[in-house]
Amino acid sequence: MSACLVTDRRRLAGADAPFAETRRAVIAQVRDAAAAGVDLVQVRERDLSSADLAALVVDLLAVTRGSGTRLVVNDRLDVALACGADGVHLRSDSIAPADARRLAPGGFLIGRSVHTADEARRAAGADYLIAGAVFATASKPGATRWLGLDGLRSIVKAAGAPVLAIGGVTVDRLDEIAAAGAAGIAAIGLFQPAGDASRRPSSLEELVSGVHRRFDSLRAAP
């Protein structure tokens, strides 16, 4: 698992767009991502009501079904279980992965957001971690401190599960992220067409293939 798309329907379709429009935009994005070979989709739509979030998750499960893409719900374990999602992605201040595991069926994927090496050490039971923000990112405009590559490296060393880097991820940073020991990347803007075209491959398929080649080569190395 090296490529994770994190949804943000308002950034994708416009902050003032109605839910029906943003819902269609995310469904189309995730359908394309599954076709391109994205490993994981994290549904991160924290402002939605339980009913609207569940409806969106059901729609997204329909377009990822039959693909290799797994779909997790950000922090809402109840919605993930009720909708039959592939897993849940827990915030750093949420319940412990081990507690979520006791409520989940076999094969249920559990991720955790971490920001420090101590948080990584306390994330026992998680299948993967997402560490960030590594670099400055548009999704956290008010933040002034970032992990940087040294912070990412310390989390990787402390973690008992694969670590994906998030925050300011661009194609030209993949090599240094991989060199820090990350197993892959998670991103919002990297997978959106509004990104800087000069720093993106010409297609989503090419982008995902490039991520896979860079990080899968690490796992294949002796």
N, C-alpha and C. Protein backbone atom coordinates (compact mmCIF):
# COMPACT_ATOMS: atom_id res chain seq x y z
N MET A 1 0.85 -1.20 0.00
CA MET A 1 0.00 0.00 0.00
C MET A 1 0.88 1.24 0.00
N SER A 2 0.93 1.96 -1.11
CA SER A 2 1.81 3.12 -1.18
C SER A 2 1.12 4.40 -1.64
N ALA A 3 -0.08 4.30 -2.19
CA ALA A 3 -0.77 5.50 -2.70
C ALA A 3 -2.16 5.61 -2.07
N CYS A 4 -2.35 6.67 -1.29
CA CYS A 4 -3.62 6.90 -0.60
C CYS A 4 -4.19 8.25 -0.99
N LEU A 5 -5.37 8.25 -1.54
CA LEU A 5 -6.10 9.48 -1.86
C LEU A 5 -6.97 9.85 -0.67
N VAL A 6 -6.86 11.07 -0.19
CA VAL A 6 -7.70 11.59 0.89
C VAL A 6 -8.70 12.55 0.28
N THR A 7 -9.98 12.31 0.50
CA THR A 7 -10.99 13.15 -0.16
C THR A 7 -11.17 14.49 0.53
N ASP A 8 -11.51 15.47 -0.25
CA ASP A 8 -11.90 16.81 0.24
C ASP A 8 -12.83 17.39 -0.82
N ARG A 9 -14.11 17.11 -0.68
CA ARG A 9 -15.05 17.45 -1.74
C ARG A 9 -15.16 18.95 -1.96
N ARG A 10 -15.00 19.74 -0.93
CA ARG A 10 -15.11 21.20 -1.08
C ARG A 10 -13.91 21.76 -1.85
N ARG A 11 -12.76 21.24 -1.56
CA ARG A 11 -11.58 21.67 -2.32
C ARG A 11 -11.67 21.20 -3.76
N LEU A 12 -12.29 20.07 -3.97
CA LEU A 12 -12.42 19.50 -5.31
C LEU A 12 -13.43 20.25 -6.16
N ALA A 13 -14.60 20.55 -5.57
CA ALA A 13 -15.70 21.11 -6.36
C ALA A 13 -16.02 22.56 -6.04
N GLY A 14 -15.41 23.12 -4.99
CA GLY A 14 -15.69 24.50 -4.62
C GLY A 14 -16.35 24.58 -3.25
N ALA A 15 -15.88 25.50 -2.44
CA ALA A 15 -16.35 25.60 -1.06
C ALA A 15 -17.84 25.90 -0.96
N ASP A 16 -18.38 26.58 -1.95
CA ASP A 16 -19.80 26.98 -1.88
C ASP A 16 -20.72 26.05 -2.67
N ALA A 17 -20.17 25.01 -3.24
CA ALA A 17 -21.00 24.10 -4.05
C ALA A 17 -21.94 23.30 -3.15
N PRO A 18 -23.16 23.04 -3.61
CA PRO A 18 -24.10 22.24 -2.82
C PRO A 18 -23.63 20.80 -2.67
N PHE A 19 -24.15 20.12 -1.66
CA PHE A 19 -23.71 18.76 -1.38
C PHE A 19 -23.87 17.84 -2.58
N ALA A 20 -24.99 17.96 -3.28
CA ALA A 20 -25.22 17.06 -4.42
C ALA A 20 -24.10 17.18 -5.46
N GLU A 21 -23.64 18.41 -5.67
CA GLU A 21 -22.57 18.63 -6.65
C GLU A 21 -21.24 18.10 -6.15
N THR A 22 -20.91 18.37 -4.87
CA THR A 22 -19.65 17.89 -4.33
C THR A 22 -19.65 16.37 -4.24
N ARG A 23 -20.80 15.79 -3.96
CA ARG A 23 -20.92 14.33 -3.90
C ARG A 23 -20.60 13.72 -5.26
N ARG A 24 -21.16 14.28 -6.31
CA ARG A 24 -20.89 13.76 -7.66
C ARG A 24 -19.41 13.89 -8.00
N ALA A 25 -18.80 15.01 -7.58
CA ALA A 25 -17.39 15.23 -7.90
C ALA A 25 -16.50 14.20 -7.21
N VAL A 26 -16.81 13.89 -5.95
CA VAL A 26 -15.99 12.91 -5.23
C VAL A 26 -16.20 11.51 -5.80
N ILE A 27 -17.43 11.18 -6.14
CA ILE A 27 -17.68 9.86 -6.74
C ILE A 27 -16.88 9.70 -8.02
N ALA A 28 -16.87 10.72 -8.87
CA ALA A 28 -16.11 10.65 -10.12
C ALA A 28 -14.61 10.55 -9.83
N GLN A 29 -14.13 11.32 -8.85
CA GLN A 29 -12.71 11.27 -8.51
C GLN A 29 -12.30 9.89 -8.03
N VAL A 30 -13.10 9.31 -7.15
CA VAL A 30 -12.75 8.00 -6.58
C VAL A 30 -12.89 6.91 -7.63
N ARG A 31 -13.87 7.02 -8.51
CA ARG A 31 -13.99 6.05 -9.61
C ARG A 31 -12.72 6.07 -10.47
N ASP A 32 -12.25 7.27 -10.79
CA ASP A 32 -11.04 7.38 -11.60
C ASP A 32 -9.82 6.87 -10.83
N ALA A 33 -9.78 7.15 -9.53
CA ALA A 33 -8.64 6.72 -8.72
C ALA A 33 -8.57 5.20 -8.65
N ALA A 34 -9.73 4.56 -8.49
CA ALA A 34 -9.75 3.09 -8.45
C ALA A 34 -9.29 2.51 -9.78
N ALA A 35 -9.74 3.11 -10.87
CA ALA A 35 -9.32 2.64 -12.19
C ALA A 35 -7.83 2.83 -12.41
N ALA A 36 -7.26 3.87 -11.78
CA ALA A 36 -5.83 4.15 -11.93
C ALA A 36 -4.96 3.31 -11.02
N GLY A 37 -5.57 2.59 -10.07
CA GLY A 37 -4.80 1.72 -9.20
C GLY A 37 -4.43 2.29 -7.85
N VAL A 38 -5.11 3.36 -7.41
CA VAL A 38 -4.87 3.87 -6.06
C VAL A 38 -5.16 2.76 -5.05
N ASP A 39 -4.28 2.59 -4.07
CA ASP A 39 -4.42 1.50 -3.11
C ASP A 39 -5.50 1.75 -2.07
N LEU A 40 -5.60 3.00 -1.63
CA LEU A 40 -6.45 3.32 -0.49
C LEU A 40 -7.12 4.67 -0.71
N VAL A 41 -8.39 4.76 -0.34
CA VAL A 41 -9.10 6.04 -0.32
C VAL A 41 -9.58 6.27 1.10
N GLN A 42 -9.21 7.41 1.65
CA GLN A 42 -9.70 7.82 2.97
C GLN A 42 -10.79 8.87 2.77
N VAL A 43 -12.01 8.54 3.19
CA VAL A 43 -13.13 9.47 3.06
C VAL A 43 -13.07 10.42 4.25
N ARG A 44 -12.59 11.63 3.99
CA ARG A 44 -12.34 12.60 5.05
C ARG A 44 -13.25 13.82 4.82
N GLU A 45 -14.50 13.68 5.22
CA GLU A 45 -15.50 14.74 5.02
C GLU A 45 -16.14 15.02 6.38
N ARG A 46 -15.38 15.70 7.24
CA ARG A 46 -15.72 15.80 8.65
C ARG A 46 -16.93 16.67 8.94
N ASP A 47 -17.34 17.51 7.99
CA ASP A 47 -18.47 18.40 8.24
C ASP A 47 -19.82 17.75 7.92
N LEU A 48 -19.82 16.57 7.33
CA LEU A 48 -21.08 15.95 6.92
C LEU A 48 -21.82 15.33 8.09
N SER A 49 -23.13 15.35 8.01
CA SER A 49 -23.95 14.63 8.98
C SER A 49 -23.72 13.13 8.80
N SER A 50 -24.12 12.36 9.80
CA SER A 50 -23.95 10.91 9.70
C SER A 50 -24.67 10.35 8.49
N ALA A 51 -25.89 10.85 8.22
CA ALA A 51 -26.67 10.33 7.10
C ALA A 51 -26.00 10.67 5.76
N ASP A 52 -25.54 11.91 5.60
CA ASP A 52 -24.90 12.29 4.33
C ASP A 52 -23.57 11.57 4.16
N LEU A 53 -22.82 11.41 5.24
CA LEU A 53 -21.55 10.70 5.15
C LEU A 53 -21.78 9.25 4.76
N ALA A 54 -22.76 8.62 5.40
CA ALA A 54 -23.06 7.23 5.07
C ALA A 54 -23.48 7.08 3.62
N ALA A 55 -24.29 8.00 3.12
CA ALA A 55 -24.73 7.94 1.73
C ALA A 55 -23.54 8.06 0.78
N LEU A 56 -22.62 8.94 1.11
CA LEU A 56 -21.43 9.11 0.27
C LEU A 56 -20.56 7.86 0.32
N VAL A 57 -20.37 7.30 1.49
CA VAL A 57 -19.55 6.09 1.63
C VAL A 57 -20.13 4.94 0.81
N VAL A 58 -21.44 4.78 0.87
CA VAL A 58 -22.10 3.72 0.09
C VAL A 58 -21.84 3.93 -1.41
N ASP A 59 -21.97 5.16 -1.87
CA ASP A 59 -21.70 5.47 -3.28
C ASP A 59 -20.26 5.15 -3.66
N LEU A 60 -19.32 5.49 -2.77
CA LEU A 60 -17.92 5.27 -3.08
C LEU A 60 -17.56 3.79 -3.03
N LEU A 61 -18.18 3.05 -2.14
CA LEU A 61 -17.96 1.61 -2.13
C LEU A 61 -18.44 0.97 -3.43
N ALA A 62 -19.52 1.52 -3.99
CA ALA A 62 -20.05 0.98 -5.24
C ALA A 62 -19.06 1.16 -6.39
N VAL A 63 -18.33 2.29 -6.41
CA VAL A 63 -17.41 2.53 -7.54
C VAL A 63 -16.03 1.92 -7.31
N THR A 64 -15.73 1.49 -6.09
CA THR A 64 -14.45 0.82 -5.86
C THR A 64 -14.60 -0.70 -5.85
N ARG A 65 -15.84 -1.19 -5.78
CA ARG A 65 -16.07 -2.63 -5.72
C ARG A 65 -15.47 -3.34 -6.94
N GLY A 66 -14.77 -4.43 -6.69
CA GLY A 66 -14.16 -5.18 -7.77
C GLY A 66 -12.77 -4.70 -8.15
N SER A 67 -12.33 -3.60 -7.56
CA SER A 67 -10.99 -3.07 -7.83
C SER A 67 -10.07 -3.47 -6.67
N GLY A 68 -8.81 -3.08 -6.78
CA GLY A 68 -7.87 -3.31 -5.68
C GLY A 68 -7.85 -2.18 -4.68
N THR A 69 -8.72 -1.19 -4.84
CA THR A 69 -8.75 -0.02 -3.97
C THR A 69 -9.58 -0.30 -2.73
N ARG A 70 -9.02 -0.04 -1.56
CA ARG A 70 -9.75 -0.21 -0.31
C ARG A 70 -10.18 1.16 0.19
N LEU A 71 -11.36 1.20 0.82
CA LEU A 71 -11.95 2.46 1.24
C LEU A 71 -12.13 2.48 2.75
N VAL A 72 -11.56 3.52 3.39
CA VAL A 72 -11.68 3.69 4.84
C VAL A 72 -12.36 5.02 5.13
N VAL A 73 -13.04 5.08 6.27
CA VAL A 73 -13.77 6.27 6.68
C VAL A 73 -12.99 6.98 7.77
N ASN A 74 -12.82 8.27 7.63
CA ASN A 74 -12.08 9.04 8.62
C ASN A 74 -12.79 9.08 9.96
N ASP A 75 -12.24 8.40 10.93
CA ASP A 75 -12.60 8.45 12.36
C ASP A 75 -13.98 7.92 12.71
N ARG A 76 -14.92 7.86 11.78
CA ARG A 76 -16.28 7.43 12.10
C ARG A 76 -16.38 5.91 11.98
N LEU A 77 -15.95 5.24 13.04
CA LEU A 77 -16.00 3.79 13.06
C LEU A 77 -17.43 3.29 12.91
N ASP A 78 -18.39 4.01 13.50
CA ASP A 78 -19.79 3.58 13.40
C ASP A 78 -20.27 3.59 11.96
N VAL A 79 -19.93 4.64 11.22
CA VAL A 79 -20.34 4.73 9.81
C VAL A 79 -19.61 3.68 8.98
N ALA A 80 -18.33 3.50 9.24
CA ALA A 80 -17.56 2.50 8.49
C ALA A 80 -18.15 1.11 8.66
N LEU A 81 -18.50 0.75 9.88
CA LEU A 81 -19.06 -0.57 10.14
C LEU A 81 -20.46 -0.71 9.54
N ALA A 82 -21.27 0.32 9.70
CA ALA A 82 -22.65 0.25 9.21
C ALA A 82 -22.71 0.15 7.69
N CYS A 83 -21.77 0.78 7.01
CA CYS A 83 -21.78 0.80 5.54
C CYS A 83 -20.99 -0.35 4.92
N GLY A 84 -20.27 -1.09 5.73
CA GLY A 84 -19.46 -2.17 5.18
C GLY A 84 -18.19 -1.69 4.52
N ALA A 85 -17.65 -0.57 5.01
CA ALA A 85 -16.38 -0.06 4.46
C ALA A 85 -15.25 -1.03 4.77
N ASP A 86 -14.13 -0.83 4.09
CA ASP A 86 -12.98 -1.71 4.28
C ASP A 86 -12.23 -1.41 5.57
N GLY A 87 -12.49 -0.24 6.16
CA GLY A 87 -11.78 0.08 7.38
C GLY A 87 -12.09 1.48 7.87
N VAL A 88 -11.32 1.90 8.88
CA VAL A 88 -11.47 3.22 9.47
C VAL A 88 -10.08 3.84 9.62
N HIS A 89 -10.01 5.16 9.46
CA HIS A 89 -8.77 5.87 9.73
C HIS A 89 -8.98 6.75 10.94
N LEU A 90 -8.29 6.44 12.04
CA LEU A 90 -8.49 7.12 13.31
C LEU A 90 -7.61 8.37 13.42
N ARG A 91 -8.19 9.43 13.98
CA ARG A 91 -7.39 10.62 14.30
C ARG A 91 -6.41 10.29 15.41
N SER A 92 -5.43 11.16 15.61
CA SER A 92 -4.43 10.92 16.65
C SER A 92 -5.03 10.98 18.05
N ASP A 93 -6.16 11.69 18.20
CA ASP A 93 -6.80 11.83 19.51
C ASP A 93 -8.05 10.96 19.65
N SER A 94 -8.21 10.01 18.76
CA SER A 94 -9.38 9.15 18.77
C SER A 94 -9.14 7.93 19.66
N ILE A 95 -10.03 6.95 19.60
CA ILE A 95 -9.87 5.74 20.38
C ILE A 95 -8.63 4.98 19.90
N ALA A 96 -8.11 4.12 20.75
CA ALA A 96 -6.92 3.37 20.40
C ALA A 96 -7.24 2.35 19.31
N PRO A 97 -6.29 2.08 18.43
CA PRO A 97 -6.53 1.07 17.40
C PRO A 97 -6.95 -0.28 17.98
N ALA A 98 -6.38 -0.66 19.10
CA ALA A 98 -6.73 -1.94 19.72
C ALA A 98 -8.20 -1.97 20.13
N ASP A 99 -8.72 -0.84 20.60
CA ASP A 99 -10.14 -0.77 20.99
C ASP A 99 -11.03 -0.86 19.75
N ALA A 100 -10.63 -0.20 18.68
CA ALA A 100 -11.39 -0.30 17.44
C ALA A 100 -11.38 -1.72 16.91
N ARG A 101 -10.24 -2.41 17.05
CA ARG A 101 -10.10 -3.77 16.56
C ARG A 101 -11.11 -4.71 17.22
N ARG A 102 -11.38 -4.47 18.50
CA ARG A 102 -12.30 -5.35 19.22
C ARG A 102 -13.73 -5.23 18.69
N LEU A 103 -14.04 -4.12 18.04
CA LEU A 103 -15.39 -3.89 17.53
C LEU A 103 -15.54 -4.26 16.05
N ALA A 104 -14.42 -4.53 15.41
CA ALA A 104 -14.42 -4.68 13.95
C ALA A 104 -14.37 -6.15 13.54
N PRO A 105 -14.86 -6.45 12.35
CA PRO A 105 -14.77 -7.82 11.83
C PRO A 105 -13.35 -8.14 11.37
N GLY A 106 -13.09 -9.39 11.11
CA GLY A 106 -11.79 -9.80 10.60
C GLY A 106 -11.49 -9.16 9.27
N GLY A 107 -10.24 -8.79 9.08
CA GLY A 107 -9.82 -8.17 7.83
C GLY A 107 -10.09 -6.68 7.75
N PHE A 108 -10.68 -6.11 8.78
CA PHE A 108 -11.00 -4.68 8.80
C PHE A 108 -9.70 -3.89 8.95
N LEU A 109 -9.51 -2.90 8.09
CA LEU A 109 -8.28 -2.11 8.05
C LEU A 109 -8.38 -0.95 9.04
N ILE A 110 -7.35 -0.78 9.87
CA ILE A 110 -7.34 0.31 10.85
C ILE A 110 -6.07 1.13 10.68
N GLY A 111 -6.27 2.41 10.38
CA GLY A 111 -5.15 3.34 10.26
C GLY A 111 -5.19 4.36 11.37
N ARG A 112 -4.10 5.10 11.51
CA ARG A 112 -4.00 6.09 12.57
C ARG A 112 -3.17 7.27 12.09
N SER A 113 -3.62 8.48 12.37
CA SER A 113 -2.82 9.67 12.12
C SER A 113 -1.87 9.90 13.29
N VAL A 114 -0.62 10.23 12.99
CA VAL A 114 0.37 10.52 14.03
C VAL A 114 1.16 11.75 13.64
N HIS A 115 1.64 12.44 14.67
CA HIS A 115 2.41 13.66 14.43
C HIS A 115 3.76 13.65 15.12
N THR A 116 3.98 12.66 15.98
CA THR A 116 5.24 12.55 16.71
C THR A 116 5.63 11.08 16.81
N ALA A 117 6.90 10.85 17.15
CA ALA A 117 7.36 9.48 17.36
C ALA A 117 6.64 8.83 18.54
N ASP A 118 6.35 9.60 19.59
CA ASP A 118 5.62 9.04 20.73
C ASP A 118 4.24 8.56 20.32
N GLU A 119 3.54 9.34 19.50
CA GLU A 119 2.23 8.89 19.02
C GLU A 119 2.36 7.62 18.19
N ALA A 120 3.41 7.53 17.41
CA ALA A 120 3.63 6.32 16.60
C ALA A 120 3.84 5.11 17.50
N ARG A 121 4.59 5.28 18.57
CA ARG A 121 4.83 4.16 19.48
C ARG A 121 3.55 3.72 20.18
N ARG A 122 2.62 4.66 20.39
CA ARG A 122 1.38 4.34 21.10
C ARG A 122 0.29 3.81 20.17
N ALA A 123 0.59 3.68 18.89
CA ALA A 123 -0.42 3.28 17.92
C ALA A 123 -0.43 1.78 17.68
N ALA A 124 -0.12 1.01 18.69
CA ALA A 124 -0.08 -0.45 18.54
C ALA A 124 -1.43 -0.97 18.06
N GLY A 125 -1.39 -1.89 17.12
CA GLY A 125 -2.61 -2.48 16.59
C GLY A 125 -3.07 -1.87 15.28
N ALA A 126 -2.47 -0.75 14.89
CA ALA A 126 -2.83 -0.13 13.61
C ALA A 126 -2.17 -0.89 12.46
N ASP A 127 -2.86 -0.96 11.33
CA ASP A 127 -2.30 -1.60 10.14
C ASP A 127 -1.35 -0.68 9.39
N TYR A 128 -1.57 0.62 9.52
CA TYR A 128 -0.71 1.61 8.87
C TYR A 128 -0.86 2.92 9.63
N LEU A 129 0.10 3.82 9.45
CA LEU A 129 0.05 5.16 10.05
C LEU A 129 0.19 6.18 8.93
N ILE A 130 -0.44 7.33 9.14
CA ILE A 130 -0.23 8.48 8.25
C ILE A 130 0.41 9.58 9.08
N ALA A 131 1.61 9.99 8.69
CA ALA A 131 2.39 10.96 9.45
C ALA A 131 2.41 12.30 8.73
N GLY A 132 2.15 13.36 9.48
CA GLY A 132 2.18 14.67 8.86
C GLY A 132 1.84 15.78 9.82
N ALA A 133 1.79 16.98 9.33
CA ALA A 133 2.11 17.29 7.94
C ALA A 133 3.63 17.40 7.77
N VAL A 134 4.14 16.74 6.73
CA VAL A 134 5.58 16.72 6.53
C VAL A 134 6.09 18.05 6.00
N PHE A 135 5.38 18.61 5.03
CA PHE A 135 5.74 19.90 4.45
C PHE A 135 4.54 20.84 4.54
N ALA A 136 4.77 22.11 4.24
CA ALA A 136 3.67 23.08 4.20
C ALA A 136 2.61 22.63 3.21
N THR A 137 1.35 22.78 3.59
CA THR A 137 0.26 22.27 2.77
C THR A 137 -0.94 23.19 2.79
N ALA A 138 -1.64 23.26 1.67
CA ALA A 138 -2.82 24.10 1.55
C ALA A 138 -3.96 23.62 2.43
N SER A 139 -3.96 22.37 2.84
CA SER A 139 -5.04 21.86 3.67
C SER A 139 -4.93 22.30 5.12
N LYS A 140 -3.77 22.87 5.51
CA LYS A 140 -3.59 23.40 6.87
C LYS A 140 -3.00 24.81 6.77
N PRO A 141 -3.79 25.76 6.28
CA PRO A 141 -3.25 27.09 6.00
C PRO A 141 -2.77 27.85 7.23
N GLY A 142 -3.29 27.52 8.41
CA GLY A 142 -2.90 28.25 9.61
C GLY A 142 -1.71 27.68 10.33
N ALA A 143 -1.24 26.53 9.91
CA ALA A 143 -0.13 25.86 10.60
C ALA A 143 1.20 26.52 10.26
N THR A 144 2.11 26.49 11.23
CA THR A 144 3.43 27.10 11.02
C THR A 144 4.56 26.12 11.29
N ARG A 145 4.25 24.92 11.78
CA ARG A 145 5.28 23.93 12.07
C ARG A 145 4.99 22.65 11.29
N TRP A 146 6.07 22.06 10.76
CA TRP A 146 5.94 20.86 9.95
C TRP A 146 6.91 19.81 10.44
N LEU A 147 6.62 18.55 10.16
CA LEU A 147 7.51 17.48 10.58
C LEU A 147 8.87 17.59 9.92
N GLY A 148 8.86 17.90 8.63
CA GLY A 148 10.08 17.84 7.86
C GLY A 148 10.52 16.39 7.70
N LEU A 149 11.59 16.21 6.96
CA LEU A 149 12.06 14.85 6.70
C LEU A 149 12.65 14.20 7.96
N ASP A 150 13.26 14.99 8.82
CA ASP A 150 13.81 14.42 10.06
C ASP A 150 12.69 13.93 10.96
N GLY A 151 11.60 14.69 11.05
CA GLY A 151 10.46 14.25 11.85
C GLY A 151 9.82 13.01 11.29
N LEU A 152 9.70 12.95 9.97
CA LEU A 152 9.15 11.76 9.32
C LEU A 152 10.04 10.55 9.61
N ARG A 153 11.34 10.75 9.52
CA ARG A 153 12.28 9.66 9.75
C ARG A 153 12.16 9.12 11.18
N SER A 154 11.98 10.01 12.14
CA SER A 154 11.86 9.57 13.53
C SER A 154 10.58 8.78 13.77
N ILE A 155 9.51 9.17 13.08
CA ILE A 155 8.25 8.43 13.20
C ILE A 155 8.38 7.04 12.58
N VAL A 156 9.02 6.97 11.43
CA VAL A 156 9.22 5.67 10.78
C VAL A 156 10.00 4.73 11.69
N LYS A 157 11.03 5.24 12.36
CA LYS A 157 11.85 4.42 13.25
C LYS A 157 11.06 3.94 14.46
N ALA A 158 10.11 4.77 14.93
CA ALA A 158 9.35 4.42 16.13
C ALA A 158 8.14 3.55 15.83
N ALA A 159 7.71 3.52 14.59
CA ALA A 159 6.43 2.89 14.22
C ALA A 159 6.55 1.38 14.15
N GLY A 160 5.44 0.73 14.49
CA GLY A 160 5.35 -0.71 14.33
C GLY A 160 4.54 -1.12 13.13
N ALA A 161 4.25 -0.17 12.25
CA ALA A 161 3.43 -0.40 11.06
C ALA A 161 3.95 0.50 9.94
N PRO A 162 3.61 0.20 8.68
CA PRO A 162 4.04 1.06 7.58
C PRO A 162 3.53 2.49 7.76
N VAL A 163 4.35 3.44 7.35
CA VAL A 163 4.04 4.87 7.51
C VAL A 163 3.89 5.51 6.14
N LEU A 164 2.77 6.21 5.95
CA LEU A 164 2.55 7.01 4.75
C LEU A 164 2.75 8.48 5.13
N ALA A 165 3.43 9.22 4.28
CA ALA A 165 3.67 10.64 4.52
C ALA A 165 2.55 11.47 3.90
N ILE A 166 2.12 12.51 4.62
CA ILE A 166 1.10 13.42 4.11
C ILE A 166 1.52 14.86 4.38
N GLY A 167 1.05 15.76 3.53
CA GLY A 167 1.29 17.18 3.74
C GLY A 167 2.34 17.71 2.79
N GLY A 168 1.90 18.47 1.79
CA GLY A 168 2.82 19.07 0.85
C GLY A 168 3.50 18.08 -0.06
N VAL A 169 2.89 16.92 -0.27
CA VAL A 169 3.50 15.89 -1.11
C VAL A 169 3.40 16.30 -2.58
N THR A 170 4.53 16.28 -3.26
CA THR A 170 4.58 16.54 -4.70
C THR A 170 5.39 15.43 -5.36
N VAL A 171 5.28 15.33 -6.67
CA VAL A 171 6.01 14.30 -7.39
C VAL A 171 7.51 14.44 -7.18
N ASP A 172 8.02 15.67 -7.15
CA ASP A 172 9.46 15.84 -7.02
C ASP A 172 9.97 15.62 -5.61
N ARG A 173 9.06 15.33 -4.66
CA ARG A 173 9.49 15.00 -3.29
C ARG A 173 9.40 13.50 -2.98
N LEU A 174 8.97 12.71 -3.94
CA LEU A 174 8.79 11.28 -3.67
C LEU A 174 10.09 10.61 -3.27
N ASP A 175 11.19 10.95 -3.93
CA ASP A 175 12.46 10.30 -3.63
C ASP A 175 12.90 10.57 -2.20
N GLU A 176 12.79 11.82 -1.75
CA GLU A 176 13.24 12.14 -0.40
C GLU A 176 12.30 11.57 0.66
N ILE A 177 11.01 11.46 0.34
CA ILE A 177 10.07 10.82 1.26
C ILE A 177 10.40 9.33 1.39
N ALA A 178 10.68 8.70 0.27
CA ALA A 178 11.07 7.29 0.29
C ALA A 178 12.38 7.09 1.04
N ALA A 179 13.33 7.99 0.85
CA ALA A 179 14.63 7.88 1.51
C ALA A 179 14.49 8.02 3.02
N ALA A 180 13.46 8.72 3.48
CA ALA A 180 13.21 8.85 4.92
C ALA A 180 12.58 7.60 5.52
N GLY A 181 12.25 6.62 4.67
CA GLY A 181 11.74 5.35 5.16
C GLY A 181 10.25 5.16 5.05
N ALA A 182 9.54 6.13 4.51
CA ALA A 182 8.08 5.99 4.37
C ALA A 182 7.75 4.87 3.39
N ALA A 183 6.61 4.24 3.63
CA ALA A 183 6.14 3.16 2.75
C ALA A 183 5.33 3.68 1.59
N GLY A 184 4.98 4.97 1.63
CA GLY A 184 4.18 5.55 0.57
C GLY A 184 3.72 6.93 0.97
N ILE A 185 2.71 7.42 0.24
CA ILE A 185 2.22 8.78 0.48
C ILE A 185 0.69 8.79 0.55
N ALA A 186 0.18 9.77 1.27
CA ALA A 186 -1.24 10.09 1.27
C ALA A 186 -1.36 11.56 0.89
N ALA A 187 -2.39 11.91 0.13
CA ALA A 187 -2.46 13.28 -0.35
C ALA A 187 -3.88 13.66 -0.75
N ILE A 188 -4.13 14.96 -0.71
CA ILE A 188 -5.37 15.53 -1.22
C ILE A 188 -5.08 16.20 -2.56
N GLY A 189 -4.27 17.26 -2.50
CA GLY A 189 -4.04 18.08 -3.68
C GLY A 189 -3.31 17.36 -4.80
N LEU A 190 -2.42 16.43 -4.47
CA LEU A 190 -1.67 15.73 -5.50
C LEU A 190 -2.58 15.01 -6.47
N PHE A 191 -3.74 14.55 -5.98
CA PHE A 191 -4.66 13.78 -6.81
C PHE A 191 -5.77 14.63 -7.43
N GLN A 192 -5.68 15.95 -7.23
CA GLN A 192 -6.71 16.82 -7.79
C GLN A 192 -6.20 17.54 -9.02
N PRO A 193 -7.04 17.70 -10.03
CA PRO A 193 -6.59 18.31 -11.29
C PRO A 193 -6.21 19.77 -11.18
N ALA A 194 -6.59 20.42 -10.08
CA ALA A 194 -6.26 21.84 -9.92
C ALA A 194 -4.81 22.05 -9.49
N GLY A 195 -4.07 20.95 -9.26
CA GLY A 195 -2.68 21.08 -8.85
C GLY A 195 -1.82 21.69 -9.95
N ASP A 196 -0.59 22.00 -9.58
CA ASP A 196 0.35 22.59 -10.53
C ASP A 196 0.66 21.58 -11.63
N ALA A 197 0.14 21.82 -12.82
CA ALA A 197 0.28 20.85 -13.91
C ALA A 197 1.75 20.62 -14.29
N SER A 198 2.58 21.60 -14.06
CA SER A 198 3.98 21.44 -14.42
C SER A 198 4.70 20.46 -13.52
N ARG A 199 4.10 20.13 -12.36
CA ARG A 199 4.76 19.23 -11.41
C ARG A 199 3.97 17.94 -11.26
N ARG A 200 3.09 17.66 -12.21
CA ARG A 200 2.28 16.44 -12.18
C ARG A 200 2.47 15.65 -13.47
N PRO A 201 2.37 14.32 -13.38
CA PRO A 201 2.34 13.54 -14.62
C PRO A 201 1.12 13.91 -15.44
N SER A 202 1.10 13.48 -16.69
CA SER A 202 0.03 13.88 -17.60
C SER A 202 -1.29 13.20 -17.31
N SER A 203 -1.29 12.12 -16.51
CA SER A 203 -2.53 11.43 -16.21
C SER A 203 -2.48 10.88 -14.80
N LEU A 204 -3.66 10.58 -14.25
CA LEU A 204 -3.74 9.98 -12.93
C LEU A 204 -3.07 8.61 -12.92
N GLU A 205 -3.26 7.85 -14.01
CA GLU A 205 -2.64 6.53 -14.10
C GLU A 205 -1.11 6.64 -14.03
N GLU A 206 -0.57 7.62 -14.72
CA GLU A 206 0.88 7.81 -14.70
C GLU A 206 1.36 8.22 -13.32
N LEU A 207 0.59 9.07 -12.65
CA LEU A 207 0.94 9.51 -11.30
C LEU A 207 0.98 8.32 -10.34
N VAL A 208 -0.09 7.52 -10.34
CA VAL A 208 -0.17 6.39 -9.42
C VAL A 208 0.91 5.35 -9.75
N SER A 209 1.12 5.11 -11.03
CA SER A 209 2.16 4.17 -11.43
C SER A 209 3.53 4.63 -10.96
N GLY A 210 3.78 5.93 -11.01
CA GLY A 210 5.05 6.47 -10.55
C GLY A 210 5.25 6.30 -9.06
N VAL A 211 4.18 6.51 -8.29
CA VAL A 211 4.25 6.29 -6.84
C VAL A 211 4.53 4.83 -6.55
N HIS A 212 3.82 3.94 -7.22
CA HIS A 212 4.03 2.51 -7.00
C HIS A 212 5.47 2.10 -7.34
N ARG A 213 5.98 2.57 -8.46
CA ARG A 213 7.34 2.20 -8.85
C ARG A 213 8.35 2.66 -7.81
N ARG A 214 8.15 3.89 -7.32
CA ARG A 214 9.14 4.43 -6.37
C ARG A 214 9.15 3.68 -5.05
N PHE A 215 7.96 3.40 -4.50
CA PHE A 215 7.91 2.78 -3.18
C PHE A 215 7.94 1.26 -3.24
N ASP A 216 7.40 0.67 -4.28
CA ASP A 216 7.46 -0.79 -4.40
C ASP A 216 8.88 -1.26 -4.60
N SER A 217 9.71 -0.43 -5.21
CA SER A 217 11.11 -0.80 -5.42
C SER A 217 11.84 -0.94 -4.10
N LEU A 218 11.42 -0.18 -3.09
CA LEU A 218 12.04 -0.29 -1.77
C LEU A 218 11.74 -1.64 -1.14
N ARG A 219 10.47 -2.07 -1.28
CA ARG A 219 10.10 -3.36 -0.69
C ARG A 219 10.75 -4.52 -1.42
N ALA A 220 11.06 -4.32 -2.70
CA ALA A 220 11.68 -5.39 -3.49
C ALA A 220 13.20 -5.46 -3.26
N ALA A 221 13.76 -4.39 -2.70
CA ALA A 221 15.21 -4.37 -2.51
C ALA A 221 15.63 -5.37 -1.43
N PRO A 222 16.79 -6.02 -1.58
CA PRO A 222 17.25 -6.99 -0.59
C PRO A 222 17.64 -6.31 0.71
